[in-house]
Amino acid sequence: MAHGYIKDKDDYLKRLRRVEGQIRGLQRMVDDEVYCIDILTQVSAATRALETVALGLLDDHLAHCVVDAAREGGPDAEVKLKEASDAIARLVRS
């Protein structure tokens, strides 16, 4: 079974590589002793970028995995709904 994000896999990988570059940039900023507020601004940007990836993955999971499980019914549907609920709770807490 293909995961819900497969159709957007290349986009997710591109975004994650961009975040990886942002994190390397943050390391350089700390190493170069850049002003703390400037570093915090970049941390915020990296955090938003990761949140965008997370929300996209969550949306794909709901639209694909949860909907398919709900159509089939049974215990798998309840498991998928619980997984989605737990993932949303983790995102809200972060």
PDB file of N, CA and C in Angstrom:
ATOM      1  N   MET A   1       0.844  -1.185   0.000  1.00  0.00           N
ATOM      2  CA  MET A   1       0.000   0.000   0.000  1.00  0.00           C
ATOM      3  C   MET A   1       0.888   1.248   0.000  1.00  0.00           C
ATOM      4  N   ALA A   2       0.603   2.164  -0.885  1.00  0.00           N
ATOM      5  CA  ALA A   2       1.361   3.409  -0.973  1.00  0.00           C
ATOM      6  C   ALA A   2       0.881   4.380   0.097  1.00  0.00           C
ATOM      7  N   HIS A   3       1.810   5.121   0.637  1.00  0.00           N
ATOM      8  CA  HIS A   3       1.469   6.137   1.634  1.00  0.00           C
ATOM      9  C   HIS A   3       0.846   7.347   0.943  1.00  0.00           C
ATOM     10  N   GLY A   4       0.067   8.102   1.697  1.00  0.00           N
ATOM     11  CA  GLY A   4      -0.651   9.243   1.143  1.00  0.00           C
ATOM     12  C   GLY A   4       0.243  10.345   0.598  1.00  0.00           C
ATOM     13  N   TYR A   5       1.467  10.432   1.090  1.00  0.00           N
ATOM     14  CA  TYR A   5       2.356  11.515   0.674  1.00  0.00           C
ATOM     15  C   TYR A   5       3.133  11.208  -0.608  1.00  0.00           C
ATOM     16  N   ILE A   6       3.029   9.991  -1.123  1.00  0.00           N
ATOM     17  CA  ILE A   6       3.855   9.565  -2.252  1.00  0.00           C
ATOM     18  C   ILE A   6       3.718  10.499  -3.448  1.00  0.00           C
ATOM     19  N   LYS A   7       2.509  10.964  -3.722  1.00  0.00           N
ATOM     20  CA  LYS A   7       2.331  11.844  -4.893  1.00  0.00           C
ATOM     21  C   LYS A   7       3.093  13.151  -4.739  1.00  0.00           C
ATOM     22  N   ASP A   8       3.382  13.558  -3.487  1.00  0.00           N
ATOM     23  CA  ASP A   8       4.109  14.804  -3.232  1.00  0.00           C
ATOM     24  C   ASP A   8       5.509  14.558  -2.670  1.00  0.00           C
ATOM     25  N   LYS A   9       5.993  13.328  -2.816  1.00  0.00           N
ATOM     26  CA  LYS A   9       7.272  12.941  -2.219  1.00  0.00           C
ATOM     27  C   LYS A   9       8.407  13.892  -2.616  1.00  0.00           C
ATOM     28  N   ASP A  10       8.519  14.209  -3.894  1.00  0.00           N
ATOM     29  CA  ASP A  10       9.599  15.087  -4.347  1.00  0.00           C
ATOM     30  C   ASP A  10       9.515  16.470  -3.706  1.00  0.00           C
ATOM     31  N   ASP A  11       8.303  16.988  -3.562  1.00  0.00           N
ATOM     32  CA  ASP A  11       8.121  18.288  -2.912  1.00  0.00           C
ATOM     33  C   ASP A  11       8.538  18.228  -1.446  1.00  0.00           C
ATOM     34  N   TYR A  12       8.153  17.148  -0.764  1.00  0.00           N
ATOM     35  CA  TYR A  12       8.547  17.004   0.641  1.00  0.00           C
ATOM     36  C   TYR A  12      10.064  16.909   0.776  1.00  0.00           C
ATOM     37  N   LEU A  13      10.681  16.140  -0.105  1.00  0.00           N
ATOM     38  CA  LEU A  13      12.140  16.008  -0.040  1.00  0.00           C
ATOM     39  C   LEU A  13      12.824  17.349  -0.300  1.00  0.00           C
ATOM     40  N   LYS A  14      12.284  18.122  -1.238  1.00  0.00           N
ATOM     41  CA  LYS A  14      12.853  19.435  -1.528  1.00  0.00           C
ATOM     42  C   LYS A  14      12.742  20.350  -0.306  1.00  0.00           C
ATOM     43  N   ARG A  15      11.571  20.339   0.310  1.00  0.00           N
ATOM     44  CA  ARG A  15      11.364  21.174   1.509  1.00  0.00           C
ATOM     45  C   ARG A  15      12.296  20.742   2.642  1.00  0.00           C
ATOM     46  N   LEU A  16      12.434  19.437   2.833  1.00  0.00           N
ATOM     47  CA  LEU A  16      13.281  18.935   3.913  1.00  0.00           C
ATOM     48  C   LEU A  16      14.753  19.248   3.654  1.00  0.00           C
ATOM     49  N   ARG A  17      15.176  19.211   2.403  1.00  0.00           N
ATOM     50  CA  ARG A  17      16.564  19.611   2.079  1.00  0.00           C
ATOM     51  C   ARG A  17      16.773  21.100   2.366  1.00  0.00           C
ATOM     52  N   ARG A  18      15.742  21.885   2.098  1.00  0.00           N
ATOM     53  CA  ARG A  18      15.822  23.310   2.393  1.00  0.00           C
ATOM     54  C   ARG A  18      15.948  23.529   3.907  1.00  0.00           C
ATOM     55  N   VAL A  19      15.173  22.795   4.684  1.00  0.00           N
ATOM     56  CA  VAL A  19      15.250  22.888   6.152  1.00  0.00           C
ATOM     57  C   VAL A  19      16.631  22.442   6.617  1.00  0.00           C
ATOM     58  N   GLU A  20      17.135  21.381   6.018  1.00  0.00           N
ATOM     59  CA  GLU A  20      18.476  20.900   6.369  1.00  0.00           C
ATOM     60  C   GLU A  20      19.511  22.011   6.139  1.00  0.00           C
ATOM     61  N   GLY A  21      19.373  22.722   5.042  1.00  0.00           N
ATOM     62  CA  GLY A  21      20.265  23.846   4.771  1.00  0.00           C
ATOM     63  C   GLY A  21      20.097  24.959   5.800  1.00  0.00           C
ATOM     64  N   GLN A  22      18.856  25.204   6.202  1.00  0.00           N
ATOM     65  CA  GLN A  22      18.618  26.226   7.225  1.00  0.00           C
ATOM     66  C   GLN A  22      19.297  25.835   8.540  1.00  0.00           C
ATOM     67  N   ILE A  23      19.240  24.562   8.892  1.00  0.00           N
ATOM     68  CA  ILE A  23      19.847  24.097  10.137  1.00  0.00           C
ATOM     69  C   ILE A  23      21.361  24.228  10.054  1.00  0.00           C
ATOM     70  N   ARG A  24      21.936  23.876   8.920  1.00  0.00           N
ATOM     71  CA  ARG A  24      23.387  24.077   8.756  1.00  0.00           C
ATOM     72  C   ARG A  24      23.740  25.562   8.868  1.00  0.00           C
ATOM     73  N   GLY A  25      22.894  26.399   8.303  1.00  0.00           N
ATOM     74  CA  GLY A  25      23.114  27.836   8.414  1.00  0.00           C
ATOM     75  C   GLY A  25      23.063  28.302   9.861  1.00  0.00           C
ATOM     76  N   LEU A  26      22.143  27.738  10.640  1.00  0.00           N
ATOM     77  CA  LEU A  26      22.067  28.070  12.065  1.00  0.00           C
ATOM     78  C   LEU A  26      23.347  27.665  12.791  1.00  0.00           C
ATOM     79  N   GLN A  27      23.866  26.502  12.464  1.00  0.00           N
ATOM     80  CA  GLN A  27      25.113  26.060  13.081  1.00  0.00           C
ATOM     81  C   GLN A  27      26.244  27.041  12.767  1.00  0.00           C
ATOM     82  N   ARG A  28      26.308  27.482  11.519  1.00  0.00           N
ATOM     83  CA  ARG A  28      27.338  28.464  11.139  1.00  0.00           C
ATOM     84  C   ARG A  28      27.144  29.776  11.885  1.00  0.00           C
ATOM     85  N   MET A  29      25.881  30.191  12.020  1.00  0.00           N
ATOM     86  CA  MET A  29      25.610  31.444  12.725  1.00  0.00           C
ATOM     87  C   MET A  29      26.100  31.372  14.165  1.00  0.00           C
ATOM     88  N   VAL A  30      25.843  30.251  14.835  1.00  0.00           N
ATOM     89  CA  VAL A  30      26.309  30.088  16.215  1.00  0.00           C
ATOM     90  C   VAL A  30      27.833  30.048  16.232  1.00  0.00           C
ATOM     91  N   ASP A  31      28.413  29.292  15.309  1.00  0.00           N
ATOM     92  CA  ASP A  31      29.871  29.193  15.238  1.00  0.00           C
ATOM     93  C   ASP A  31      30.501  30.560  14.991  1.00  0.00           C
ATOM     94  N   ASP A  32      29.846  31.378  14.184  1.00  0.00           N
ATOM     95  CA  ASP A  32      30.353  32.725  13.869  1.00  0.00           C
ATOM     96  C   ASP A  32      29.942  33.761  14.904  1.00  0.00           C
ATOM     97  N   GLU A  33      29.232  33.313  15.946  1.00  0.00           N
ATOM     98  CA  GLU A  33      28.799  34.179  17.042  1.00  0.00           C
ATOM     99  C   GLU A  33      27.944  35.359  16.566  1.00  0.00           C
ATOM    100  N   VAL A  34      26.987  35.033  15.712  1.00  0.00           N
ATOM    101  CA  VAL A  34      26.051  36.029  15.194  1.00  0.00           C
ATOM    102  C   VAL A  34      25.125  36.462  16.334  1.00  0.00           C
ATOM    103  N   TYR A  35      24.601  37.668  16.236  1.00  0.00           N
ATOM    104  CA  TYR A  35      23.696  38.238  17.231  1.00  0.00           C
ATOM    105  C   TYR A  35      22.533  37.283  17.507  1.00  0.00           C
ATOM    106  N   CYS A  36      22.233  37.067  18.790  1.00  0.00           N
ATOM    107  CA  CYS A  36      21.238  36.049  19.189  1.00  0.00           C
ATOM    108  C   CYS A  36      19.871  36.258  18.561  1.00  0.00           C
ATOM    109  N   ILE A  37      19.410  37.463  18.442  1.00  0.00           N
ATOM    110  CA  ILE A  37      18.081  37.708  17.866  1.00  0.00           C
ATOM    111  C   ILE A  37      18.051  37.277  16.405  1.00  0.00           C
ATOM    112  N   ASP A  38      19.132  37.475  15.695  1.00  0.00           N
ATOM    113  CA  ASP A  38      19.201  37.029  14.302  1.00  0.00           C
ATOM    114  C   ASP A  38      19.133  35.503  14.216  1.00  0.00           C
ATOM    115  N   ILE A  39      19.784  34.822  15.140  1.00  0.00           N
ATOM    116  CA  ILE A  39      19.734  33.361  15.174  1.00  0.00           C
ATOM    117  C   ILE A  39      18.309  32.907  15.505  1.00  0.00           C
ATOM    118  N   LEU A  40      17.693  33.542  16.493  1.00  0.00           N
ATOM    119  CA  LEU A  40      16.326  33.179  16.867  1.00  0.00           C
ATOM    120  C   LEU A  40      15.348  33.386  15.708  1.00  0.00           C
ATOM    121  N   THR A  41      15.563  34.414  14.940  1.00  0.00           N
ATOM    122  CA  THR A  41      14.721  34.655  13.761  1.00  0.00           C
ATOM    123  C   THR A  41      14.832  33.493  12.788  1.00  0.00           C
ATOM    124  N   GLN A  42      16.054  32.993  12.583  1.00  0.00           N
ATOM    125  CA  GLN A  42      16.256  31.875  11.666  1.00  0.00           C
ATOM    126  C   GLN A  42      15.725  30.560  12.251  1.00  0.00           C
ATOM    127  N   VAL A  43      15.819  30.395  13.575  1.00  0.00           N
ATOM    128  CA  VAL A  43      15.230  29.220  14.224  1.00  0.00           C
ATOM    129  C   VAL A  43      13.723  29.220  13.980  1.00  0.00           C
ATOM    130  N   SER A  44      13.107  30.374  14.111  1.00  0.00           N
ATOM    131  CA  SER A  44      11.674  30.495  13.882  1.00  0.00           C
ATOM    132  C   SER A  44      11.321  30.123  12.439  1.00  0.00           C
ATOM    133  N   ALA A  45      12.120  30.562  11.493  1.00  0.00           N
ATOM    134  CA  ALA A  45      11.866  30.246  10.083  1.00  0.00           C
ATOM    135  C   ALA A  45      11.998  28.748   9.833  1.00  0.00           C
ATOM    136  N   ALA A  46      12.996  28.116  10.423  1.00  0.00           N
ATOM    137  CA  ALA A  46      13.180  26.669  10.258  1.00  0.00           C
ATOM    138  C   ALA A  46      12.031  25.910  10.904  1.00  0.00           C
ATOM    139  N   THR A  47      11.590  26.382  12.047  1.00  0.00           N
ATOM    140  CA  THR A  47      10.468  25.755  12.742  1.00  0.00           C
ATOM    141  C   THR A  47       9.208  25.838  11.885  1.00  0.00           C
ATOM    142  N   ARG A  48       8.945  26.998  11.311  1.00  0.00           N
ATOM    143  CA  ARG A  48       7.764  27.157  10.441  1.00  0.00           C
ATOM    144  C   ARG A  48       7.860  26.236   9.227  1.00  0.00           C
ATOM    145  N   ALA A  49       9.061  26.103   8.678  1.00  0.00           N
ATOM    146  CA  ALA A  49       9.239  25.228   7.519  1.00  0.00           C
ATOM    147  C   ALA A  49       8.940  23.777   7.885  1.00  0.00           C
ATOM    148  N   LEU A  50       9.402  23.325   9.045  1.00  0.00           N
ATOM    149  CA  LEU A  50       9.107  21.966   9.491  1.00  0.00           C
ATOM    150  C   LEU A  50       7.621  21.795   9.793  1.00  0.00           C
ATOM    151  N   GLU A  51       7.006  22.811  10.365  1.00  0.00           N
ATOM    152  CA  GLU A  51       5.570  22.742  10.629  1.00  0.00           C
ATOM    153  C   GLU A  51       4.780  22.619   9.333  1.00  0.00           C
ATOM    154  N   THR A  52       5.226  23.295   8.293  1.00  0.00           N
ATOM    155  CA  THR A  52       4.563  23.203   6.993  1.00  0.00           C
ATOM    156  C   THR A  52       4.645  21.777   6.456  1.00  0.00           C
ATOM    157  N   VAL A  53       5.807  21.157   6.582  1.00  0.00           N
ATOM    158  CA  VAL A  53       5.961  19.763   6.166  1.00  0.00           C
ATOM    159  C   VAL A  53       5.040  18.875   6.994  1.00  0.00           C
ATOM    160  N   ALA A  54       5.044  19.075   8.303  1.00  0.00           N
ATOM    161  CA  ALA A  54       4.226  18.248   9.193  1.00  0.00           C
ATOM    162  C   ALA A  54       2.741  18.373   8.862  1.00  0.00           C
ATOM    163  N   LEU A  55       2.278  19.585   8.639  1.00  0.00           N
ATOM    164  CA  LEU A  55       0.860  19.783   8.313  1.00  0.00           C
ATOM    165  C   LEU A  55       0.494  19.161   6.975  1.00  0.00           C
ATOM    166  N   GLY A  56       1.397  19.237   6.022  1.00  0.00           N
ATOM    167  CA  GLY A  56       1.153  18.597   4.732  1.00  0.00           C
ATOM    168  C   GLY A  56       1.063  17.088   4.863  1.00  0.00           C
ATOM    169  N   LEU A  57       1.996  16.511   5.632  1.00  0.00           N
ATOM    170  CA  LEU A  57       1.963  15.063   5.852  1.00  0.00           C
ATOM    171  C   LEU A  57       0.692  14.648   6.592  1.00  0.00           C
ATOM    172  N   LEU A  58       0.306  15.449   7.570  1.00  0.00           N
ATOM    173  CA  LEU A  58      -0.924  15.156   8.309  1.00  0.00           C
ATOM    174  C   LEU A  58      -2.134  15.209   7.382  1.00  0.00           C
ATOM    175  N   ASP A  59      -2.193  16.208   6.542  1.00  0.00           N
ATOM    176  CA  ASP A  59      -3.291  16.333   5.593  1.00  0.00           C
ATOM    177  C   ASP A  59      -3.332  15.127   4.656  1.00  0.00           C
ATOM    178  N   ASP A  60      -2.165  14.729   4.150  1.00  0.00           N
ATOM    179  CA  ASP A  60      -2.103  13.550   3.279  1.00  0.00           C
ATOM    180  C   ASP A  60      -2.538  12.296   4.028  1.00  0.00           C
ATOM    181  N   HIS A  61      -2.124  12.175   5.283  1.00  0.00           N
ATOM    182  CA  HIS A  61      -2.505  11.008   6.091  1.00  0.00           C
ATOM    183  C   HIS A  61      -4.021  10.962   6.283  1.00  0.00           C
ATOM    184  N   LEU A  62      -4.606  12.102   6.604  1.00  0.00           N
ATOM    185  CA  LEU A  62      -6.062  12.144   6.798  1.00  0.00           C
ATOM    186  C   LEU A  62      -6.796  11.819   5.498  1.00  0.00           C
ATOM    187  N   ALA A  63      -6.351  12.423   4.405  1.00  0.00           N
ATOM    188  CA  ALA A  63      -7.049  12.268   3.129  1.00  0.00           C
ATOM    189  C   ALA A  63      -6.877  10.874   2.534  1.00  0.00           C
ATOM    190  N   HIS A  64      -5.808  10.198   2.880  1.00  0.00           N
ATOM    191  CA  HIS A  64      -5.545   8.907   2.267  1.00  0.00           C
ATOM    192  C   HIS A  64      -5.734   7.766   3.265  1.00  0.00           C
ATOM    193  N   CYS A  65      -4.857   7.685   4.247  1.00  0.00           N
ATOM    194  CA  CYS A  65      -4.850   6.543   5.174  1.00  0.00           C
ATOM    195  C   CYS A  65      -6.105   6.484   6.034  1.00  0.00           C
ATOM    196  N   VAL A  66      -6.482   7.612   6.617  1.00  0.00           N
ATOM    197  CA  VAL A  66      -7.640   7.616   7.514  1.00  0.00           C
ATOM    198  C   VAL A  66      -8.933   7.410   6.728  1.00  0.00           C
ATOM    199  N   VAL A  67      -9.079   8.081   5.608  1.00  0.00           N
ATOM    200  CA  VAL A  67     -10.296   7.931   4.802  1.00  0.00           C
ATOM    201  C   VAL A  67     -10.432   6.494   4.310  1.00  0.00           C
ATOM    202  N   ASP A  68      -9.326   5.904   3.814  1.00  0.00           N
ATOM    203  CA  ASP A  68      -9.386   4.517   3.348  1.00  0.00           C
ATOM    204  C   ASP A  68      -9.766   3.566   4.480  1.00  0.00           C
ATOM    205  N   ALA A  69      -9.168   3.754   5.653  1.00  0.00           N
ATOM    206  CA  ALA A  69      -9.475   2.891   6.799  1.00  0.00           C
ATOM    207  C   ALA A  69     -10.927   3.076   7.239  1.00  0.00           C
ATOM    208  N   ALA A  70     -11.419   4.309   7.211  1.00  0.00           N
ATOM    209  CA  ALA A  70     -12.808   4.564   7.604  1.00  0.00           C
ATOM    210  C   ALA A  70     -13.777   3.887   6.633  1.00  0.00           C
ATOM    211  N   ARG A  71     -13.446   3.904   5.362  1.00  0.00           N
ATOM    212  CA  ARG A  71     -14.301   3.234   4.369  1.00  0.00           C
ATOM    213  C   ARG A  71     -14.371   1.737   4.625  1.00  0.00           C
ATOM    214  N   GLU A  72     -13.221   1.156   4.995  1.00  0.00           N
ATOM    215  CA  GLU A  72     -13.162  -0.288   5.244  1.00  0.00           C
ATOM    216  C   GLU A  72     -13.791  -0.652   6.581  1.00  0.00           C
ATOM    217  N   GLY A  73     -13.770   0.301   7.523  1.00  0.00           N
ATOM    218  CA  GLY A  73     -14.344   0.052   8.841  1.00  0.00           C
ATOM    219  C   GLY A  73     -13.492  -0.905   9.657  1.00  0.00           C
ATOM    220  N   GLY A  74     -14.044  -1.351  10.761  1.00  0.00           N
ATOM    221  CA  GLY A  74     -13.347  -2.303  11.610  1.00  0.00           C
ATOM    222  C   GLY A  74     -12.320  -1.649  12.520  1.00  0.00           C
ATOM    223  N   PRO A  75     -11.524  -2.474  13.179  1.00  0.00           N
ATOM    224  CA  PRO A  75     -10.561  -1.960  14.165  1.00  0.00           C
ATOM    225  C   PRO A  75      -9.466  -1.086  13.551  1.00  0.00           C
ATOM    226  N   ASP A  76      -9.120  -1.333  12.287  1.00  0.00           N
ATOM    227  CA  ASP A  76      -8.083  -0.516  11.644  1.00  0.00           C
ATOM    228  C   ASP A  76      -8.514   0.946  11.546  1.00  0.00           C
ATOM    229  N   ALA A  77      -9.805   1.171  11.332  1.00  0.00           N
ATOM    230  CA  ALA A  77     -10.319   2.544  11.256  1.00  0.00           C
ATOM    231  C   ALA A  77     -10.103   3.265  12.574  1.00  0.00           C
ATOM    232  N   GLU A  78     -10.391   2.586  13.660  1.00  0.00           N
ATOM    233  CA  GLU A  78     -10.195   3.197  14.981  1.00  0.00           C
ATOM    234  C   GLU A  78      -8.723   3.473  15.244  1.00  0.00           C
ATOM    235  N   VAL A  79      -7.849   2.565  14.832  1.00  0.00           N
ATOM    236  CA  VAL A  79      -6.404   2.751  15.013  1.00  0.00           C
ATOM    237  C   VAL A  79      -5.932   3.970  14.233  1.00  0.00           C
ATOM    238  N   LYS A  80      -6.353   4.081  12.980  1.00  0.00           N
ATOM    239  CA  LYS A  80      -5.931   5.217  12.140  1.00  0.00           C
ATOM    240  C   LYS A  80      -6.445   6.543  12.698  1.00  0.00           C
ATOM    241  N   LEU A  81      -7.666   6.568  13.186  1.00  0.00           N
ATOM    242  CA  LEU A  81      -8.204   7.790  13.785  1.00  0.00           C
ATOM    243  C   LEU A  81      -7.422   8.168  15.040  1.00  0.00           C
ATOM    244  N   LYS A  82      -7.079   7.175  15.857  1.00  0.00           N
ATOM    245  CA  LYS A  82      -6.304   7.432  17.070  1.00  0.00           C
ATOM    246  C   LYS A  82      -4.914   7.943  16.718  1.00  0.00           C
ATOM    247  N   GLU A  83      -4.284   7.346  15.708  1.00  0.00           N
ATOM    248  CA  GLU A  83      -2.968   7.818  15.257  1.00  0.00           C
ATOM    249  C   GLU A  83      -3.040   9.280  14.822  1.00  0.00           C
ATOM    250  N   ALA A  84      -4.065   9.609  14.046  1.00  0.00           N
ATOM    251  CA  ALA A  84      -4.216  10.984  13.570  1.00  0.00           C
ATOM    252  C   ALA A  84      -4.449  11.934  14.736  1.00  0.00           C
ATOM    253  N   SER A  85      -5.284  11.539  15.656  1.00  0.00           N
ATOM    254  CA  SER A  85      -5.558  12.378  16.828  1.00  0.00           C
ATOM    255  C   SER A  85      -4.293  12.597  17.647  1.00  0.00           C
ATOM    256  N   ASP A  86      -3.523  11.540  17.848  1.00  0.00           N
ATOM    257  CA  ASP A  86      -2.268  11.658  18.596  1.00  0.00           C
ATOM    258  C   ASP A  86      -1.271  12.562  17.869  1.00  0.00           C
ATOM    259  N   ALA A  87      -1.211  12.439  16.548  1.00  0.00           N
ATOM    260  CA  ALA A  87      -0.297  13.281  15.768  1.00  0.00           C
ATOM    261  C   ALA A  87      -0.695  14.750  15.866  1.00  0.00           C
ATOM    262  N   ILE A  88      -1.979  15.023  15.812  1.00  0.00           N
ATOM    263  CA  ILE A  88      -2.461  16.403  15.954  1.00  0.00           C
ATOM    264  C   ILE A  88      -2.106  16.933  17.324  1.00  0.00           C
ATOM    265  N   ALA A  89      -2.287  16.129  18.360  1.00  0.00           N
ATOM    266  CA  ALA A  89      -1.947  16.556  19.723  1.00  0.00           C
ATOM    267  C   ALA A  89      -0.462  16.873  19.831  1.00  0.00           C
ATOM    268  N   ARG A  90       0.386  16.049  19.230  1.00  0.00           N
ATOM    269  CA  ARG A  90       1.836  16.322  19.267  1.00  0.00           C
ATOM    270  C   ARG A  90       2.179  17.628  18.561  1.00  0.00           C
ATOM    271  N   LEU A  91       1.519  17.880  17.426  1.00  0.00           N
ATOM    272  CA  LEU A  91       1.783  19.116  16.677  1.00  0.00           C
ATOM    273  C   LEU A  91       1.320  20.343  17.457  1.00  0.00           C
ATOM    274  N   VAL A  92       0.194  20.229  18.125  1.00  0.00           N
ATOM    275  CA  VAL A  92      -0.338  21.355  18.895  1.00  0.00           C
ATOM    276  C   VAL A  92       0.571  21.668  20.084  1.00  0.00           C
ATOM    277  N   ARG A  93       1.121  20.625  20.698  1.00  0.00           N
ATOM    278  CA  ARG A  93       2.011  20.825  21.857  1.00  0.00           C
ATOM    279  C   ARG A  93       3.351  21.423  21.454  1.00  0.00           C
ATOM    280  N   SER A  94       3.785  21.180  20.230  1.00  0.00           N
ATOM    281  CA  SER A  94       5.113  21.656  19.843  1.00  0.00           C
ATOM    282  C   SER A  94       5.132  23.115  19.468  1.00  0.00           C
TER     283      SER A  94
END
